[in-house]
Protein backbone atom coordinates (compact mmCIF):
# COMPACT_ATOMS: atom_id res chain seq x y z
CA MET A 1 65.74 91.86 99.57
CA THR A 2 67.87 90.31 97.71
CA ASN A 3 68.69 86.88 97.34
CA ARG A 4 72.42 85.81 98.55
CA ARG A 5 73.77 85.93 94.79
CA ASN A 6 72.54 89.09 94.19
CA PHE A 7 73.97 90.23 97.02
CA LEU A 8 77.67 88.18 96.47
CA LYS A 9 77.56 90.02 92.73
CA ASN A 10 76.46 93.08 93.97
CA ALA A 11 79.41 92.52 96.96
CA ALA A 12 81.56 92.27 94.84
CA LEU A 13 81.60 95.55 93.22
CA LEU A 14 81.88 97.76 96.54
CA THR A 15 85.72 96.46 96.91
CA ALA A 16 87.49 99.42 96.67
CA GLY A 17 85.03 101.37 98.37
CA THR A 18 83.86 99.91 101.42
CA LEU A 19 84.96 95.86 100.86
CA LEU A 20 88.44 95.82 100.37
CA ALA A 21 88.91 96.59 104.31
CA GLY A 22 92.76 95.38 104.42
CA LYS A 23 94.78 94.65 107.03
CA SER A 24 92.86 96.86 109.24
CA SER A 25 89.11 95.42 109.19
CA PHE A 26 90.37 92.07 110.27
CA ALA A 27 91.54 93.16 113.53
CA ASN A 28 90.99 91.52 116.72
CA ALA A 29 88.77 93.60 118.23
CA ALA A 30 89.72 92.20 121.31
CA THR A 31 90.65 94.56 124.44
CA ALA A 32 94.33 96.02 124.41
CA ALA A 33 97.19 96.52 127.06
CA PRO A 34 95.95 99.50 129.52
CA SER A 35 98.77 101.54 128.37
CA VAL A 36 98.06 101.40 124.70
CA HIS A 37 94.79 101.58 125.56
CA ASN A 38 94.89 104.54 128.25
CA SER A 39 97.41 106.44 125.50
CA MET A 40 95.46 105.78 122.35
CA ALA A 41 92.02 106.37 123.82
CA ALA A 42 93.34 109.83 125.52
CA GLY A 43 90.72 112.97 123.95
CA LYS A 44 88.43 109.91 122.12
CA LYS A 45 84.46 110.81 122.07
CA ILE A 46 83.00 108.14 121.59
CA GLY A 47 78.78 108.02 121.30
CA LEU A 48 77.04 105.14 121.73
CA GLN A 49 73.10 104.46 121.18
CA ILE A 50 71.27 102.81 123.99
CA TYR A 51 69.06 100.23 122.00
CA SER A 52 72.63 98.72 121.76
CA LEU A 53 72.25 97.40 125.20
CA GLN A 54 69.02 95.48 125.00
CA GLY A 55 66.93 95.83 128.79
CA GLU A 56 70.43 95.32 130.07
CA LEU A 57 70.82 98.76 130.35
CA TYR A 58 67.64 98.63 133.74
CA LYS A 59 68.53 96.72 135.45
CA ASP A 60 70.85 98.65 137.62
CA THR A 61 70.38 101.86 135.16
CA PRO A 62 72.63 103.95 137.80
CA ALA A 63 75.61 101.18 137.49
CA ARG A 64 74.99 100.12 133.85
CA MET A 65 76.17 104.26 133.23
CA GLN A 66 78.61 104.73 135.25
CA GLU A 67 80.30 101.06 133.62
CA LEU A 68 79.92 102.36 129.89
CA LYS A 69 81.88 105.75 131.40
CA LYS A 70 84.60 103.45 132.37
CA MET A 71 84.92 101.57 128.77
CA GLY A 72 85.25 104.72 127.56
CA TYR A 73 81.70 105.85 126.04
CA THR A 74 80.48 109.80 127.04
CA ASP A 75 77.79 110.18 124.65
CA LEU A 76 74.39 108.51 124.68
CA GLU A 77 72.15 108.36 121.59
CA LEU A 78 68.45 107.28 123.06
CA ALA A 79 65.90 105.24 121.83
CA GLY A 80 62.50 103.87 124.23
CA TYR A 81 61.64 107.16 124.06
CA SER A 82 57.24 107.35 125.06
CA LYS A 83 55.13 110.02 125.06
CA ASP A 84 54.99 109.96 128.73
CA GLY A 85 58.10 110.75 128.48
CA LYS A 86 59.72 108.59 129.74
CA ILE A 87 63.15 106.85 128.62
CA GLY A 88 62.77 102.95 128.61
CA GLY A 89 60.12 103.60 131.11
CA VAL A 90 62.55 105.41 133.33
CA ASP A 91 61.08 109.03 134.00
CA MET A 92 63.29 111.24 131.29
CA MET A 93 64.82 113.80 134.18
CA GLU A 94 66.06 111.13 136.10
CA PHE A 95 66.74 109.64 133.37
CA LYS A 96 68.76 112.55 132.90
CA LYS A 97 70.53 112.77 135.56
CA MET A 98 71.67 109.61 135.64
CA ALA A 99 73.56 109.64 132.66
CA GLU A 100 75.17 112.91 133.91
CA ASP A 101 76.22 111.75 137.28
CA ALA A 102 78.17 109.23 135.15
CA GLY A 103 79.63 112.24 133.43
CA LEU A 104 77.76 111.08 130.21
CA LYS A 105 75.70 113.18 128.12
CA ILE A 106 72.81 112.35 126.40
CA THR A 107 73.58 113.98 123.04
CA SER A 108 70.87 112.52 120.30
CA SER A 109 67.66 110.27 120.04
CA HIS A 110 65.84 108.04 117.98
CA VAL A 111 62.71 108.50 118.23
CA ASN A 112 59.66 107.12 116.15
CA PRO A 113 55.77 109.05 115.46
CA PRO A 114 53.33 106.98 116.39
CA THR A 115 52.53 105.30 112.76
CA GLY A 116 54.81 104.26 110.06
CA GLU A 117 51.98 105.14 107.32
CA PHE A 118 52.31 108.67 106.80
CA THR A 119 49.28 109.71 104.17
CA LYS A 120 48.02 113.15 103.95
CA GLU A 121 45.51 112.08 106.84
CA SER A 122 48.19 110.84 109.00
CA LYS A 123 49.76 113.78 108.98
CA ALA A 124 48.13 115.99 112.00
CA SER A 125 48.55 113.77 114.50
CA ILE A 126 52.57 112.83 113.16
CA LEU A 127 53.03 116.37 112.94
CA GLU A 128 50.99 117.05 116.32
CA PHE A 129 53.55 114.47 118.45
CA TRP A 130 56.51 116.00 117.28
CA LYS A 131 55.77 118.95 119.06
CA LYS A 132 55.46 117.36 122.40
CA ALA A 133 58.19 114.91 121.34
CA ALA A 134 60.72 118.44 120.77
CA ASP A 135 59.85 119.69 123.93
CA ASP A 136 61.02 117.00 125.32
CA HIS A 137 64.42 116.61 123.94
CA VAL A 138 65.19 119.72 124.81
CA LYS A 139 64.64 119.43 128.00
CA LEU A 140 66.98 116.54 127.99
CA GLY A 141 69.45 118.76 126.45
CA CYS A 142 69.96 116.87 123.40
CA GLU A 143 71.25 118.38 120.25
CA LEU A 144 69.82 116.42 117.82
CA LEU A 145 66.97 114.84 117.67
CA ILE A 146 66.35 111.30 114.82
CA GLN A 147 63.38 109.57 113.21
CA PRO A 148 64.84 105.83 112.63
CA MET A 149 62.33 103.39 111.11
CA MET A 150 60.99 104.18 107.23
CA PRO A 151 57.68 104.84 107.08
CA LYS A 152 55.77 102.88 104.33
CA CYS A 153 57.36 103.40 101.20
CA GLU A 154 56.13 101.00 98.17
CA SER A 155 56.19 104.35 94.97
CA TYR A 156 57.03 107.78 94.26
CA ASP A 157 54.41 109.23 95.81
CA ASP A 158 54.60 107.57 98.91
CA ALA A 159 58.29 108.75 98.94
CA ALA A 160 56.77 112.38 98.19
CA ILE A 161 54.45 112.52 101.14
CA ILE A 162 56.88 111.12 103.21
CA CYS A 163 59.36 113.95 102.14
CA GLU A 164 56.80 116.49 102.42
CA ILE A 165 56.10 115.05 105.99
CA PHE A 166 59.39 115.32 106.62
CA ASN A 167 60.08 118.42 105.70
CA GLU A 168 57.19 119.82 107.65
CA SER A 169 58.50 117.84 111.05
CA GLY A 170 61.66 119.46 110.25
CA LYS A 171 60.21 122.92 110.85
CA ILE A 172 58.67 122.18 114.28
CA ILE A 173 61.53 119.84 115.45
CA LYS A 174 63.70 123.50 114.52
CA ALA A 175 61.31 126.07 116.32
CA ALA A 176 61.51 123.76 119.64
CA GLY A 177 65.28 124.91 119.18
CA LEU A 178 67.02 121.10 117.67
CA PRO A 179 67.85 120.17 114.12
CA PHE A 180 65.82 116.91 112.90
CA GLY A 181 67.45 113.94 111.07
CA TYR A 182 66.67 110.39 109.36
CA HIS A 183 68.33 107.65 110.21
CA ASN A 184 68.66 104.45 107.10
CA HIS A 185 68.57 100.81 107.27
CA ASN A 186 68.95 99.12 104.70
CA MET A 187 64.91 99.13 102.62
CA GLU A 188 66.12 102.83 101.58
CA PHE A 189 67.81 101.33 99.03
CA GLN A 190 65.15 99.42 97.00
CA ARG A 191 64.62 101.29 94.26
CA VAL A 192 60.83 103.08 93.02
CA MET A 193 59.58 103.88 89.95
CA THR A 194 57.80 105.74 87.64
CA GLU A 195 54.82 104.43 86.31
CA GLU A 196 56.24 104.98 82.49
CA GLU A 197 59.83 103.23 84.03
CA LYS A 198 57.71 100.64 84.60
CA LYS A 199 56.36 100.48 80.90
CA LYS A 200 60.08 99.51 79.45
CA LYS A 201 61.76 96.42 79.20
CA TYR A 202 65.74 96.61 80.69
CA SER A 203 69.14 94.76 80.49
CA PHE A 204 69.79 91.69 83.58
CA TRP A 205 72.90 94.68 84.37
CA GLU A 206 70.46 97.71 84.55
CA HIS A 207 69.18 99.34 87.97
CA PRO A 208 66.02 100.68 86.43
CA GLY A 209 63.86 103.01 88.60
CA THR A 210 65.84 105.05 91.66
CA GLN A 211 66.99 104.47 95.46
CA ILE A 212 64.07 105.20 98.33
CA TYR A 213 66.87 107.39 100.11
CA ASP A 214 68.07 109.42 97.00
CA LEU A 215 64.99 110.46 96.35
CA PHE A 216 64.90 111.53 100.46
CA LEU A 217 67.57 113.42 99.91
CA LYS A 218 66.73 114.53 97.15
CA GLU A 219 63.29 115.87 97.85
CA THR A 220 64.06 116.82 101.86
CA ASP A 221 65.30 120.59 102.54
CA PRO A 222 68.83 120.92 103.56
CA SER A 223 67.88 123.44 105.74
CA LEU A 224 64.99 121.19 107.80
CA VAL A 225 65.92 117.46 107.60
CA PHE A 226 69.70 116.10 107.98
CA PHE A 227 71.21 112.50 107.40
CA GLU A 228 72.58 109.34 109.81
CA LEU A 229 73.63 107.46 107.39
CA ASP A 230 74.58 103.91 108.95
CA VAL A 231 77.00 102.83 107.76
CA TYR A 232 76.19 99.39 108.36
CA TRP A 233 72.92 98.98 106.81
CA THR A 234 74.22 101.11 103.64
CA VAL A 235 76.84 98.56 102.97
CA MET A 236 74.41 95.92 103.15
CA GLY A 237 72.20 98.71 101.16
CA GLN A 238 74.67 97.70 98.27
CA ASN A 239 76.54 100.69 98.63
CA ASP A 240 79.37 102.76 99.80
CA PRO A 241 78.88 105.35 102.69
CA VAL A 242 82.50 106.53 102.26
CA GLU A 243 80.61 107.64 98.08
CA TYR A 244 77.85 109.02 100.08
CA MET A 245 79.79 110.82 102.67
CA GLN A 246 81.57 112.01 99.75
CA LYS A 247 78.61 113.09 97.57
CA HIS A 248 76.38 114.48 99.94
CA LYS A 249 78.75 117.01 102.55
CA ASP A 250 76.28 118.91 103.12
CA ARG A 251 73.50 116.79 104.13
CA ILE A 252 74.63 113.85 106.51
CA LYS A 253 75.88 114.98 109.55
CA ALA A 254 75.64 111.85 112.06
CA LEU A 255 77.14 108.09 111.74
CA HIS A 256 76.19 104.90 112.66
CA ILE A 257 79.26 102.99 112.94
CA LYS A 258 78.43 99.51 112.58
CA ASP A 259 79.67 96.24 111.98
CA ARG A 260 77.55 92.63 111.43
CA SER A 261 78.82 92.09 115.02
CA LEU A 262 82.03 93.27 116.91
CA PHE A 263 83.97 95.13 115.34
CA GLY A 264 86.23 94.36 112.62
CA LYS A 265 85.48 90.26 112.95
CA SER A 266 83.75 90.42 109.51
CA GLY A 267 85.76 92.11 107.14
CA MET A 268 82.88 94.32 105.46
CA MET A 269 83.08 97.37 107.06
CA ASN A 270 86.13 99.55 106.03
CA PHE A 271 86.19 101.65 109.16
CA GLU A 272 89.21 103.09 108.64
CA ALA A 273 88.49 104.85 104.88
CA ILE A 274 85.03 105.68 106.91
CA PHE A 275 86.41 107.30 109.42
CA ASN A 276 89.06 109.61 107.11
CA GLN A 277 86.09 110.60 105.52
CA MET A 278 84.20 111.61 108.64
CA TYR A 279 86.79 113.43 109.55
CA GLU A 280 86.88 115.03 106.07
CA ASN A 281 83.89 116.39 106.31
CA GLY A 282 83.03 117.83 109.73
CA ILE A 283 81.02 115.08 110.95
CA LYS A 284 81.45 115.52 115.04
CA TYR A 285 78.69 113.09 116.13
CA TYR A 286 78.81 109.16 115.14
CA PHE A 287 77.49 106.69 117.31
CA VAL A 288 78.23 102.94 117.84
CA GLU A 289 75.23 100.54 117.07
CA LEU A 290 75.21 96.68 118.29
CA GLU A 291 72.59 94.23 117.37
CA PRO A 292 71.24 91.77 119.65
CA MET A 293 74.47 89.27 120.35
CA HIS A 294 73.10 85.40 120.05
CA THR A 295 76.64 84.17 121.39
CA GLY A 296 76.37 83.74 125.28
CA MET A 297 77.89 87.45 125.17
CA THR A 298 76.33 89.72 126.90
CA GLN A 299 75.57 93.41 125.36
CA PHE A 300 78.18 95.41 127.98
CA GLU A 301 80.22 92.51 127.17
CA GLY A 302 79.56 93.11 123.34
CA VAL A 303 79.76 96.79 123.20
CA LYS A 304 82.55 96.97 125.91
CA GLN A 305 84.63 94.97 122.72
CA CYS A 306 83.56 98.19 120.02
CA ALA A 307 84.96 100.40 122.10
CA ASP A 308 87.66 98.79 122.85
CA TYR A 309 88.18 98.30 119.20
CA LEU A 310 87.75 101.80 118.16
CA LEU A 311 90.13 103.64 121.35
CA SER A 312 92.77 100.92 120.03
CA LYS A 313 93.21 102.26 116.79
CA PRO A 314 94.68 105.35 115.11
CA PHE A 315 92.81 106.76 112.68
CA VAL A 316 89.94 107.61 115.28
CA LYS A 317 90.53 111.02 116.77
């Protein structure tokens, strides 16, 4: 992690692509007037990563699903899958029925294999895990299956074995009928160096080595691994999500739409530019994600404000 001084220095360089949010980024995320809200919301599809809801979702899951539908959400991205076939402790087929009864579609799911150490020794158990996970998610009717956390990666060699296992995992999941994707945080924008690079001297302004995310893009097979770009964590990694979408139109197939907290409050995220590029690229999947709130506001209140923000914006189609 960079220190605060370096982050602010580098963030200043991102104004053209991401941080120059303009008036739209500072817009209030409060609920729009009903007439405006209803007219602009018509036909919009908004996905939600259920991690955003924390334990609140499971207090009365059927009723809470109905609440999400009323807020304007149409699709869900799951979190909390376990190999015993449950989602957050709920039988996965019961969870599917609750969602469908509320008019919500389970489109995607975040699933981590049982270990974060990707090695030649752990490869077999990781691949075996994905066989069952893929079969379960086919039953759920998912369209995407995504690994959301980076395995331990401190070197080029670590990145190489991770990409090898990603490719093999992609083969297994593809054979089951699903595409396999990877979701980033900010750690993927750290750099690793070759042994030769480590021997050189660098000036203050140079950035030696290669970002881990770029290695993942380069060394994974496009036919087996796609990427779900988390736009907020990309900015926190001192990179421009719009630029990444422009450079990797064939690899980035889904987005996490996220801000530091409630949408439009931080001034850090140029959502209009992000959505415009998303539509230009033909990306049809995006999911709202909200980290745990520490303001006295419930998670459900937070995700409602995020939905209201998106439903009120003309750049969200």
